[in-house]
């Protein structure tokens, strides 16, 4: 589920170069309201990212885990 205001970025500019990469959202995963994922990220099946959270480039969040913050950290 991709909630209202969430952003899935598959490109960014770094040092004046455009970088491309996939953002994979697993089955049953949730991207909270006004949160964002950058390129080369993966949310495992059933993974949950909280509201206003940010998944940094290259992060792979395991299945059935919960995350929040900017950048994200595991929710206890």
PDB file of N, CA and C in Angstrom:
ATOM      1  N   UNK A   1       0.841  -1.160   0.000  1.00  0.00           N
ATOM      2  CA  UNK A   1       0.000   0.000   0.000  1.00  0.00           C
ATOM      3  C   UNK A   1       0.892   1.231   0.000  1.00  0.00           C
ATOM      4  N   UNK A   2       0.603   2.143  -0.872  1.00  0.00           N
ATOM      5  CA  UNK A   2       1.310   3.424  -0.942  1.00  0.00           C
ATOM      6  C   UNK A   2       0.334   4.495  -0.462  1.00  0.00           C
ATOM      7  N   UNK A   3       0.596   5.087   0.687  1.00  0.00           N
ATOM      8  CA  UNK A   3      -0.327   6.049   1.274  1.00  0.00           C
ATOM      9  C   UNK A   3      -0.207   7.432   0.642  1.00  0.00           C
ATOM     10  N   UNK A   4      -1.188   8.260   0.941  1.00  0.00           N
ATOM     11  CA  UNK A   4      -1.269   9.615   0.399  1.00  0.00           C
ATOM     12  C   UNK A   4       0.003  10.405   0.678  1.00  0.00           C
ATOM     13  N   UNK A   5       0.518  11.057  -0.353  1.00  0.00           N
ATOM     14  CA  UNK A   5       1.683  11.914  -0.214  1.00  0.00           C
ATOM     15  C   UNK A   5       3.019  11.178  -0.216  1.00  0.00           C
ATOM     16  N   UNK A   6       2.990   9.840  -0.297  1.00  0.00           N
ATOM     17  CA  UNK A   6       4.238   9.074  -0.326  1.00  0.00           C
ATOM     18  C   UNK A   6       4.914   9.219  -1.689  1.00  0.00           C
ATOM     19  N   UNK A   7       6.235   9.146  -1.695  1.00  0.00           N
ATOM     20  CA  UNK A   7       7.008   9.354  -2.923  1.00  0.00           C
ATOM     21  C   UNK A   7       7.913   8.147  -3.161  1.00  0.00           C
ATOM     22  N   UNK A   8       7.869   7.625  -4.391  1.00  0.00           N
ATOM     23  CA  UNK A   8       8.771   6.553  -4.796  1.00  0.00           C
ATOM     24  C   UNK A   8       9.680   7.129  -5.872  1.00  0.00           C
ATOM     25  N   UNK A   9      10.922   7.392  -5.495  1.00  0.00           N
ATOM     26  CA  UNK A   9      11.891   7.971  -6.423  1.00  0.00           C
ATOM     27  C   UNK A   9      12.691   6.864  -7.092  1.00  0.00           C
ATOM     28  N   UNK A  10      12.834   6.938  -8.403  1.00  0.00           N
ATOM     29  CA  UNK A  10      13.661   5.971  -9.119  1.00  0.00           C
ATOM     30  C   UNK A  10      14.852   6.665  -9.772  1.00  0.00           C
ATOM     31  N   UNK A  11      15.020   7.956  -9.450  1.00  0.00           N
ATOM     32  CA  UNK A  11      16.174   8.702  -9.959  1.00  0.00           C
ATOM     33  C   UNK A  11      16.521   9.817  -8.981  1.00  0.00           C
ATOM     34  N   UNK A  12      17.759  10.258  -9.022  1.00  0.00           N
ATOM     35  CA  UNK A  12      18.185  11.434  -8.264  1.00  0.00           C
ATOM     36  C   UNK A  12      19.422  12.012  -8.941  1.00  0.00           C
ATOM     37  N   UNK A  13      19.698  13.249  -8.627  1.00  0.00           N
ATOM     38  CA  UNK A  13      20.886  13.906  -9.159  1.00  0.00           C
ATOM     39  C   UNK A  13      21.917  14.017  -8.047  1.00  0.00           C
ATOM     40  N   UNK A  14      23.137  13.535  -8.320  1.00  0.00           N
ATOM     41  CA  UNK A  14      24.223  13.571  -7.351  1.00  0.00           C
ATOM     42  C   UNK A  14      25.478  14.026  -8.094  1.00  0.00           C
ATOM     43  N   UNK A  15      26.097  15.091  -7.617  1.00  0.00           N
ATOM     44  CA  UNK A  15      27.271  15.660  -8.288  1.00  0.00           C
ATOM     45  C   UNK A  15      26.997  15.923  -9.772  1.00  0.00           C
ATOM     46  N   UNK A  16      25.825  16.475 -10.044  1.00  0.00           N
ATOM     47  CA  UNK A  16      25.386  16.853 -11.394  1.00  0.00           C
ATOM     48  C   UNK A  16      25.218  15.665 -12.344  1.00  0.00           C
ATOM     49  N   UNK A  17      25.151  14.452 -11.812  1.00  0.00           N
ATOM     50  CA  UNK A  17      24.898  13.266 -12.625  1.00  0.00           C
ATOM     51  C   UNK A  17      23.568  12.641 -12.210  1.00  0.00           C
ATOM     52  N   UNK A  18      22.801  12.221 -13.207  1.00  0.00           N
ATOM     53  CA  UNK A  18      21.546  11.555 -12.900  1.00  0.00           C
ATOM     54  C   UNK A  18      21.814  10.081 -12.593  1.00  0.00           C
ATOM     55  N   UNK A  19      21.341   9.630 -11.434  1.00  0.00           N
ATOM     56  CA  UNK A  19      21.489   8.233 -11.013  1.00  0.00           C
ATOM     57  C   UNK A  19      20.114   7.585 -11.069  1.00  0.00           C
ATOM     58  N   UNK A  20      20.031   6.396 -11.677  1.00  0.00           N
ATOM     59  CA  UNK A  20      18.779   5.664 -11.798  1.00  0.00           C
ATOM     60  C   UNK A  20      18.867   4.355 -11.034  1.00  0.00           C
ATOM     61  N   UNK A  21      17.746   3.874 -10.554  1.00  0.00           N
ATOM     62  CA  UNK A  21      17.699   2.584  -9.891  1.00  0.00           C
ATOM     63  C   UNK A  21      16.282   2.240  -9.491  1.00  0.00           C
ATOM     64  N   UNK A  22      15.997   0.956  -9.309  1.00  0.00           N
ATOM     65  CA  UNK A  22      14.638   0.537  -8.965  1.00  0.00           C
ATOM     66  C   UNK A  22      14.322   0.768  -7.493  1.00  0.00           C
ATOM     67  N   UNK A  23      13.043   0.921  -7.228  1.00  0.00           N
ATOM     68  CA  UNK A  23      12.512   0.901  -5.868  1.00  0.00           C
ATOM     69  C   UNK A  23      11.499  -0.227  -5.844  1.00  0.00           C
ATOM     70  N   UNK A  24      11.774  -1.264  -5.063  1.00  0.00           N
ATOM     71  CA  UNK A  24      10.928  -2.459  -5.043  1.00  0.00           C
ATOM     72  C   UNK A  24      10.086  -2.451  -3.770  1.00  0.00           C
ATOM     73  N   UNK A  25       8.771  -2.569  -3.945  1.00  0.00           N
ATOM     74  CA  UNK A  25       7.841  -2.625  -2.823  1.00  0.00           C
ATOM     75  C   UNK A  25       7.261  -4.039  -2.789  1.00  0.00           C
ATOM     76  N   UNK A  26       7.573  -4.795  -1.737  1.00  0.00           N
ATOM     77  CA  UNK A  26       7.142  -6.189  -1.636  1.00  0.00           C
ATOM     78  C   UNK A  26       5.647  -6.340  -1.438  1.00  0.00           C
ATOM     79  N   UNK A  27       5.190  -7.557  -1.622  1.00  0.00           N
ATOM     80  CA  UNK A  27       3.769  -7.895  -1.456  1.00  0.00           C
ATOM     81  C   UNK A  27       3.331  -7.624  -0.019  1.00  0.00           C
ATOM     82  N   UNK A  28       2.275  -6.846   0.128  1.00  0.00           N
ATOM     83  CA  UNK A  28       1.740  -6.539   1.447  1.00  0.00           C
ATOM     84  C   UNK A  28       2.530  -5.502   2.219  1.00  0.00           C
ATOM     85  N   UNK A  29       3.520  -4.875   1.592  1.00  0.00           N
ATOM     86  CA  UNK A  29       4.318  -3.833   2.259  1.00  0.00           C
ATOM     87  C   UNK A  29       3.534  -2.520   2.277  1.00  0.00           C
ATOM     88  N   UNK A  30       3.870  -1.656   3.232  1.00  0.00           N
ATOM     89  CA  UNK A  30       3.181  -0.376   3.388  1.00  0.00           C
ATOM     90  C   UNK A  30       4.188   0.763   3.446  1.00  0.00           C
ATOM     91  N   UNK A  31       3.963   1.779   2.632  1.00  0.00           N
ATOM     92  CA  UNK A  31       4.756   3.008   2.661  1.00  0.00           C
ATOM     93  C   UNK A  31       3.838   4.081   3.239  1.00  0.00           C
ATOM     94  N   UNK A  32       4.167   4.566   4.438  1.00  0.00           N
ATOM     95  CA  UNK A  32       3.294   5.480   5.175  1.00  0.00           C
ATOM     96  C   UNK A  32       3.098   6.830   4.509  1.00  0.00           C
ATOM     97  N   UNK A  33       2.105   7.593   4.990  1.00  0.00           N
ATOM     98  CA  UNK A  33       1.805   8.910   4.430  1.00  0.00           C
ATOM     99  C   UNK A  33       3.026   9.839   4.477  1.00  0.00           C
ATOM    100  N   UNK A  34       3.252  10.542   3.394  1.00  0.00           N
ATOM    101  CA  UNK A  34       4.313  11.548   3.276  1.00  0.00           C
ATOM    102  C   UNK A  34       5.702  10.983   3.557  1.00  0.00           C
ATOM    103  N   UNK A  35       5.894   9.711   3.301  1.00  0.00           N
ATOM    104  CA  UNK A  35       7.212   9.090   3.417  1.00  0.00           C
ATOM    105  C   UNK A  35       7.811   8.935   2.027  1.00  0.00           C
ATOM    106  N   UNK A  36       9.076   8.556   1.956  1.00  0.00           N
ATOM    107  CA  UNK A  36       9.746   8.467   0.651  1.00  0.00           C
ATOM    108  C   UNK A  36      10.768   7.345   0.640  1.00  0.00           C
ATOM    109  N   UNK A  37      10.951   6.753  -0.547  1.00  0.00           N
ATOM    110  CA  UNK A  37      12.034   5.811  -0.780  1.00  0.00           C
ATOM    111  C   UNK A  37      12.840   6.325  -1.962  1.00  0.00           C
ATOM    112  N   UNK A  38      14.152   6.167  -1.886  1.00  0.00           N
ATOM    113  CA  UNK A  38      15.038   6.585  -2.962  1.00  0.00           C
ATOM    114  C   UNK A  38      15.388   5.386  -3.840  1.00  0.00           C
ATOM    115  N   UNK A  39      16.128   5.593  -4.928  1.00  0.00           N
ATOM    116  CA  UNK A  39      16.472   4.486  -5.827  1.00  0.00           C
ATOM    117  C   UNK A  39      17.269   3.392  -5.125  1.00  0.00           C
ATOM    118  N   UNK A  40      17.220   2.202  -5.720  1.00  0.00           N
ATOM    119  CA  UNK A  40      17.969   1.041  -5.237  1.00  0.00           C
ATOM    120  C   UNK A  40      17.547   0.625  -3.835  1.00  0.00           C
ATOM    121  N   UNK A  41      16.256   0.790  -3.520  1.00  0.00           N
ATOM    122  CA  UNK A  41      15.737   0.364  -2.222  1.00  0.00           C
ATOM    123  C   UNK A  41      14.791  -0.807  -2.406  1.00  0.00           C
ATOM    124  N   UNK A  42      14.604  -1.548  -1.319  1.00  0.00           N
ATOM    125  CA  UNK A  42      13.674  -2.673  -1.354  1.00  0.00           C
ATOM    126  C   UNK A  42      12.967  -2.792  -0.013  1.00  0.00           C
ATOM    127  N   UNK A  43      11.644  -2.836  -0.058  1.00  0.00           N
ATOM    128  CA  UNK A  43      10.828  -3.121   1.114  1.00  0.00           C
ATOM    129  C   UNK A  43      10.368  -4.556   0.971  1.00  0.00           C
ATOM    130  N   UNK A  44      10.766  -5.414   1.899  1.00  0.00           N
ATOM    131  CA  UNK A  44      10.390  -6.823   1.844  1.00  0.00           C
ATOM    132  C   UNK A  44       8.894  -7.017   2.027  1.00  0.00           C
ATOM    133  N   UNK A  45       8.412  -8.203   1.712  1.00  0.00           N
ATOM    134  CA  UNK A  45       7.002  -8.535   1.874  1.00  0.00           C
ATOM    135  C   UNK A  45       6.550  -8.229   3.297  1.00  0.00           C
ATOM    136  N   UNK A  46       5.420  -7.540   3.425  1.00  0.00           N
ATOM    137  CA  UNK A  46       4.860  -7.248   4.732  1.00  0.00           C
ATOM    138  C   UNK A  46       5.606  -6.210   5.541  1.00  0.00           C
ATOM    139  N   UNK A  47       6.601  -5.571   4.962  1.00  0.00           N
ATOM    140  CA  UNK A  47       7.379  -4.529   5.645  1.00  0.00           C
ATOM    141  C   UNK A  47       6.524  -3.269   5.786  1.00  0.00           C
ATOM    142  N   UNK A  48       6.708  -2.523   6.865  1.00  0.00           N
ATOM    143  CA  UNK A  48       5.939  -1.304   7.101  1.00  0.00           C
ATOM    144  C   UNK A  48       6.881  -0.137   7.384  1.00  0.00           C
ATOM    145  N   UNK A  49       6.719   0.940   6.621  1.00  0.00           N
ATOM    146  CA  UNK A  49       7.486   2.174   6.819  1.00  0.00           C
ATOM    147  C   UNK A  49       6.499   3.228   7.302  1.00  0.00           C
ATOM    148  N   UNK A  50       6.779   3.833   8.450  1.00  0.00           N
ATOM    149  CA  UNK A  50       5.864   4.785   9.068  1.00  0.00           C
ATOM    150  C   UNK A  50       5.761   6.116   8.338  1.00  0.00           C
ATOM    151  N   UNK A  51       4.829   6.913   8.798  1.00  0.00           N
ATOM    152  CA  UNK A  51       4.572   8.236   8.223  1.00  0.00           C
ATOM    153  C   UNK A  51       5.795   9.140   8.327  1.00  0.00           C
ATOM    154  N   UNK A  52       5.992   9.971   7.313  1.00  0.00           N
ATOM    155  CA  UNK A  52       7.081  10.953   7.257  1.00  0.00           C
ATOM    156  C   UNK A  52       8.454  10.324   7.450  1.00  0.00           C
ATOM    157  N   UNK A  53       8.619   9.128   6.947  1.00  0.00           N
ATOM    158  CA  UNK A  53       9.892   8.410   7.059  1.00  0.00           C
ATOM    159  C   UNK A  53      10.612   8.432   5.723  1.00  0.00           C
ATOM    160  N   UNK A  54      11.912   8.141   5.758  1.00  0.00           N
ATOM    161  CA  UNK A  54      12.742   8.242   4.565  1.00  0.00           C
ATOM    162  C   UNK A  54      13.668   7.039   4.483  1.00  0.00           C
ATOM    163  N   UNK A  55      13.541   6.271   3.390  1.00  0.00           N
ATOM    164  CA  UNK A  55      14.395   5.105   3.164  1.00  0.00           C
ATOM    165  C   UNK A  55      15.528   5.538   2.232  1.00  0.00           C
ATOM    166  N   UNK A  56      16.751   5.509   2.734  1.00  0.00           N
ATOM    167  CA  UNK A  56      17.915   5.978   1.985  1.00  0.00           C
ATOM    168  C   UNK A  56      18.248   5.057   0.819  1.00  0.00           C
ATOM    169  N   UNK A  57      18.960   5.593  -0.149  1.00  0.00           N
ATOM    170  CA  UNK A  57      19.382   4.846  -1.332  1.00  0.00           C
ATOM    171  C   UNK A  57      20.178   3.603  -0.932  1.00  0.00           C
ATOM    172  N   UNK A  58      19.823   2.477  -1.539  1.00  0.00           N
ATOM    173  CA  UNK A  58      20.545   1.233  -1.323  1.00  0.00           C
ATOM    174  C   UNK A  58      20.095   0.416  -0.123  1.00  0.00           C
ATOM    175  N   UNK A  59      19.113   0.890   0.644  1.00  0.00           N
ATOM    176  CA  UNK A  59      18.664   0.129   1.817  1.00  0.00           C
ATOM    177  C   UNK A  59      17.704  -0.990   1.406  1.00  0.00           C
ATOM    178  N   UNK A  60      17.821  -2.118   2.086  1.00  0.00           N
ATOM    179  CA  UNK A  60      16.942  -3.270   1.880  1.00  0.00           C
ATOM    180  C   UNK A  60      16.336  -3.620   3.229  1.00  0.00           C
ATOM    181  N   UNK A  61      15.041  -3.371   3.362  1.00  0.00           N
ATOM    182  CA  UNK A  61      14.353  -3.611   4.626  1.00  0.00           C
ATOM    183  C   UNK A  61      13.738  -5.012   4.607  1.00  0.00           C
ATOM    184  N   UNK A  62      14.043  -5.856   5.593  1.00  0.00           N
ATOM    185  CA  UNK A  62      13.597  -7.250   5.596  1.00  0.00           C
ATOM    186  C   UNK A  62      12.076  -7.416   5.686  1.00  0.00           C
ATOM    187  N   UNK A  63      11.639  -8.605   5.328  1.00  0.00           N
ATOM    188  CA  UNK A  63      10.219  -8.947   5.395  1.00  0.00           C
ATOM    189  C   UNK A  63       9.683  -8.807   6.816  1.00  0.00           C
ATOM    190  N   UNK A  64       8.420  -8.394   6.904  1.00  0.00           N
ATOM    191  CA  UNK A  64       7.654  -8.372   8.158  1.00  0.00           C
ATOM    192  C   UNK A  64       8.365  -7.610   9.274  1.00  0.00           C
ATOM    193  N   UNK A  65       8.966  -6.468   8.926  1.00  0.00           N
ATOM    194  CA  UNK A  65       9.596  -5.600   9.922  1.00  0.00           C
ATOM    195  C   UNK A  65       8.942  -4.227   9.849  1.00  0.00           C
ATOM    196  N   UNK A  66       9.143  -3.419  10.894  1.00  0.00           N
ATOM    197  CA  UNK A  66       8.564  -2.070  10.952  1.00  0.00           C
ATOM    198  C   UNK A  66       9.682  -1.054  11.101  1.00  0.00           C
ATOM    199  N   UNK A  67       9.540   0.074  10.392  1.00  0.00           N
ATOM    200  CA  UNK A  67      10.574   1.099  10.342  1.00  0.00           C
ATOM    201  C   UNK A  67       9.945   2.479  10.448  1.00  0.00           C
ATOM    202  N   UNK A  68      10.714   3.441  10.976  1.00  0.00           N
ATOM    203  CA  UNK A  68      10.248   4.830  11.014  1.00  0.00           C
ATOM    204  C   UNK A  68      11.443   5.756  11.155  1.00  0.00           C
ATOM    205  N   UNK A  69      11.233   7.025  10.815  1.00  0.00           N
ATOM    206  CA  UNK A  69      12.262   8.050  10.985  1.00  0.00           C
ATOM    207  C   UNK A  69      12.873   8.491   9.678  1.00  0.00           C
ATOM    208  N   UNK A  70      13.765   9.492   9.810  1.00  0.00           N
ATOM    209  CA  UNK A  70      14.424  10.052   8.635  1.00  0.00           C
ATOM    210  C   UNK A  70      15.899  10.260   8.961  1.00  0.00           C
ATOM    211  N   UNK A  71      16.751   9.319   8.602  1.00  0.00           N
ATOM    212  CA  UNK A  71      16.495   8.080   7.880  1.00  0.00           C
ATOM    213  C   UNK A  71      15.853   7.034   8.790  1.00  0.00           C
ATOM    214  N   UNK A  72      15.312   5.975   8.171  1.00  0.00           N
ATOM    215  CA  UNK A  72      14.574   4.980   8.944  1.00  0.00           C
ATOM    216  C   UNK A  72      15.474   4.181   9.880  1.00  0.00           C
ATOM    217  N   UNK A  73      14.883   3.802  11.006  1.00  0.00           N
ATOM    218  CA  UNK A  73      15.490   2.867  11.950  1.00  0.00           C
ATOM    219  C   UNK A  73      14.405   1.858  12.311  1.00  0.00           C
ATOM    220  N   UNK A  74      14.815   0.688  12.758  1.00  0.00           N
ATOM    221  CA  UNK A  74      13.839  -0.347  13.122  1.00  0.00           C
ATOM    222  C   UNK A  74      12.978   0.118  14.289  1.00  0.00           C
ATOM    223  N   UNK A  75      11.685  -0.114  14.173  1.00  0.00           N
ATOM    224  CA  UNK A  75      10.747   0.234  15.252  1.00  0.00           C
ATOM    225  C   UNK A  75      10.751  -0.897  16.261  1.00  0.00           C
ATOM    226  N   UNK A  76      10.963  -0.562  17.496  1.00  0.00           N
ATOM    227  CA  UNK A  76      11.132  -1.520  18.565  1.00  0.00           C
ATOM    228  C   UNK A  76       9.978  -2.373  18.792  1.00  0.00           C
TER     229      UNK A  76
END
